[in-house]
Amino acid sequence: MKYKLEDIVEVTMGQSPKSQYYNTEGKGTPFLQGNRTFGFKRPTFDTYTTLVTKEAKAGDVIMSVRAPVGDLNITPVDMCLGRGVCSLRMKNGNQEFLYYMMKYYMPQLLNKESGTVFGSVNRNDVNGLEVDIPEDVENQKKIARYLTMLDDKIELNTEINNNLAA
């Protein structure tokens, strides 16, 4: 079934608090300004803020919306969104499916990228992305489960290879 992303996903664009509220001591809420600490599937946090402007909930898909556009992760905890990221929450709650769906449709979103030196996408670009997905939520969950198993295996093999190299 074809949808515009805004019909099936809640999008929250990031908004950075003033830098005076940032810290690296772990005080307050984890904060991401961009994709600098994105991992294979989940980010790590080295910056925190005592003033939350825009929030992503644990399990939300977070996407880099500025140079480079399109990197995706899933947040393991509630966090503050800076201006270089947005959060995506599937209205039916199927976050794993949303993560893989966005990976698949990222080339179409990147075609909307604007900016001369540093590309970016805005809320309208994200909301207007057209996607074609299975209507049945159980099929979505099945697809996400298989892809998650593959990613888990890739992540484990990468960890093993890194240990062997060390």
Protein backbone atom coordinates (compact mmCIF):
# COMPACT_ATOMS: atom_id res chain seq x y z
CA MET A 1 0.00 0.00 0.00
CA LYS A 2 1.37 3.46 -0.90
CA TYR A 3 1.59 6.16 1.78
CA LYS A 4 3.25 9.47 2.38
CA LEU A 5 5.53 9.08 5.37
CA GLU A 6 3.53 11.65 7.36
CA ASP A 7 0.48 9.33 7.17
CA ILE A 8 2.21 6.48 9.00
CA VAL A 9 5.07 8.12 10.94
CA GLU A 10 5.38 10.89 13.54
CA VAL A 11 8.40 13.04 12.69
CA THR A 12 10.15 15.23 15.27
CA MET A 13 12.80 17.55 13.89
CA GLY A 14 15.64 18.33 16.28
CA GLN A 15 16.28 21.70 17.89
CA SER A 16 19.51 22.25 19.79
CA PRO A 17 19.53 23.85 23.22
CA LYS A 18 22.09 26.59 23.82
CA SER A 19 25.59 25.22 24.33
CA GLN A 20 25.70 26.51 27.92
CA TYR A 21 23.43 23.56 28.83
CA TYR A 22 25.79 20.91 27.33
CA ASN A 23 28.12 18.76 29.42
CA THR A 24 30.22 15.62 29.14
CA GLU A 25 29.78 14.54 32.76
CA GLY A 26 26.52 12.68 32.17
CA LYS A 27 24.32 15.30 33.83
CA GLY A 28 20.82 15.49 32.39
CA THR A 29 19.60 13.85 29.19
CA PRO A 30 21.74 12.24 26.46
CA PHE A 31 22.05 14.59 23.49
CA LEU A 32 22.88 14.12 19.81
CA GLN A 33 23.62 17.01 17.48
CA GLY A 34 24.34 14.79 14.47
CA ASN A 35 25.56 11.34 13.51
CA ARG A 36 29.06 11.62 15.00
CA THR A 37 28.43 8.89 17.60
CA PHE A 38 26.08 6.71 15.55
CA GLY A 39 26.94 3.03 15.81
CA PHE A 40 26.06 0.03 13.67
CA LYS A 41 22.45 0.31 14.80
CA ARG A 42 22.52 2.26 18.07
CA PRO A 43 24.36 5.44 19.05
CA THR A 44 26.63 6.04 22.01
CA PHE A 45 26.41 9.27 23.96
CA ASP A 46 29.23 11.53 25.07
CA THR A 47 27.27 14.77 25.35
CA TYR A 48 24.38 15.53 27.68
CA THR A 49 22.09 18.50 28.22
CA THR A 50 20.23 19.84 31.21
CA LEU A 51 17.69 21.55 28.93
CA VAL A 52 15.68 19.33 26.58
CA THR A 53 14.27 21.13 23.54
CA LYS A 54 13.07 18.24 21.34
CA GLU A 55 12.88 14.67 22.58
CA ALA A 56 13.13 11.20 21.05
CA LYS A 57 11.81 8.25 23.03
CA ALA A 58 13.69 4.99 23.48
CA GLY A 59 13.12 2.85 20.38
CA ASP A 60 12.62 5.79 18.01
CA VAL A 61 14.47 5.71 14.71
CA ILE A 62 16.82 8.68 14.54
CA MET A 63 18.05 10.02 11.23
CA SER A 64 20.78 12.45 10.29
CA VAL A 65 19.20 15.36 8.38
CA ARG A 66 22.39 17.36 7.75
CA ALA A 67 25.72 16.51 6.17
CA PRO A 68 25.62 13.63 5.73
CA VAL A 69 21.92 13.07 5.30
CA GLY A 70 20.41 9.66 5.84
CA ASP A 71 22.42 7.85 8.50
CA LEU A 72 20.01 5.87 10.69
CA ASN A 73 20.12 4.49 14.23
CA ILE A 74 17.64 3.45 16.89
CA THR A 75 17.91 5.26 20.20
CA PRO A 76 18.29 2.95 23.21
CA VAL A 77 17.11 5.62 25.70
CA ASP A 78 15.06 8.81 25.78
CA MET A 79 17.28 11.58 24.42
CA CYS A 80 17.42 15.20 23.29
CA LEU A 81 17.46 15.80 19.52
CA GLY A 82 19.82 18.46 18.19
CA ARG A 83 19.29 20.26 14.89
CA GLY A 84 21.22 17.70 12.83
CA VAL A 85 18.88 14.79 13.58
CA CYS A 86 15.21 13.95 13.63
CA SER A 87 13.25 11.12 15.20
CA LEU A 88 10.74 8.89 13.47
CA ARG A 89 8.04 6.94 15.27
CA MET A 90 5.77 4.53 13.38
CA LYS A 91 2.16 5.21 14.36
CA ASN A 92 1.52 1.45 14.61
CA GLY A 93 4.56 1.04 16.91
CA ASN A 94 6.57 -1.16 14.52
CA GLN A 95 9.92 0.62 14.96
CA GLU A 96 12.12 -2.21 13.66
CA PHE A 97 10.17 -2.28 10.39
CA LEU A 98 10.42 1.51 10.16
CA TYR A 99 14.21 1.33 10.54
CA TYR A 100 14.58 -1.10 7.62
CA MET A 101 11.95 0.65 5.52
CA MET A 102 13.86 3.93 5.87
CA LYS A 103 17.11 2.21 4.88
CA TYR A 104 15.37 0.97 1.75
CA TYR A 105 13.82 4.34 0.84
CA MET A 106 16.85 6.48 1.74
CA PRO A 107 17.96 6.93 -1.92
CA GLN A 108 14.62 8.62 -2.71
CA LEU A 109 14.99 10.92 0.29
CA LEU A 110 18.57 11.76 -0.70
CA ASN A 111 17.26 12.91 -4.09
CA LYS A 112 15.46 15.70 -2.21
CA GLU A 113 18.67 16.79 -0.48
CA SER A 114 19.47 20.47 -0.86
CA GLY A 115 22.40 22.67 0.06
CA THR A 116 25.55 23.66 -1.77
CA VAL A 117 28.35 22.51 0.52
CA PHE A 118 26.48 20.64 3.25
CA GLY A 119 23.34 18.83 2.16
CA SER A 120 20.20 18.70 4.28
CA VAL A 121 16.58 17.63 4.21
CA ASN A 122 13.70 19.37 5.97
CA ARG A 123 10.41 18.29 7.55
CA ASN A 124 8.52 18.59 4.26
CA ASP A 125 11.08 16.39 2.49
CA VAL A 126 10.77 13.72 5.18
CA ASN A 127 6.98 13.93 5.54
CA GLY A 128 6.47 13.85 1.78
CA LEU A 129 8.55 10.71 1.17
CA GLU A 130 6.34 8.16 -0.61
CA VAL A 131 6.64 4.58 0.58
CA ASP A 132 4.98 1.34 -0.44
CA ILE A 133 4.62 -1.07 2.48
CA PRO A 134 2.65 -4.20 3.36
CA GLU A 135 -0.64 -3.22 4.97
CA ASP A 136 -0.64 -6.19 7.34
CA VAL A 137 1.28 -5.33 10.52
CA GLU A 138 2.14 -9.00 11.08
CA ASN A 139 3.90 -9.11 7.70
CA GLN A 140 5.79 -5.94 8.67
CA LYS A 141 6.87 -7.59 11.94
CA LYS A 142 7.97 -10.75 10.11
CA ILE A 143 10.09 -8.74 7.66
CA ALA A 144 11.66 -6.75 10.50
CA ARG A 145 12.37 -9.92 12.51
CA TYR A 146 14.32 -11.53 9.63
CA LEU A 147 16.30 -8.38 8.88
CA THR A 148 17.07 -7.90 12.58
CA MET A 149 18.41 -11.46 12.81
CA LEU A 150 20.73 -10.73 9.87
CA ASP A 151 21.92 -7.46 11.40
CA ASP A 152 22.51 -9.15 14.76
CA LYS A 153 24.67 -11.77 13.04
CA ILE A 154 26.62 -9.10 11.13
CA GLU A 155 27.18 -7.15 14.35
CA LEU A 156 28.38 -10.27 16.19
CA ASN A 157 30.74 -11.24 13.34
CA THR A 158 32.15 -7.70 13.26
CA GLU A 159 32.77 -7.86 17.01
CA ILE A 160 34.50 -11.23 16.65
CA ASN A 161 36.67 -9.90 13.80
CA ASN A 162 37.61 -6.82 15.84
CA ASN A 163 38.59 -9.04 18.81
CA LEU A 164 40.69 -11.25 16.54
CA ALA A 165 42.40 -8.24 14.98
CA ALA A 166 43.24 -6.87 18.43
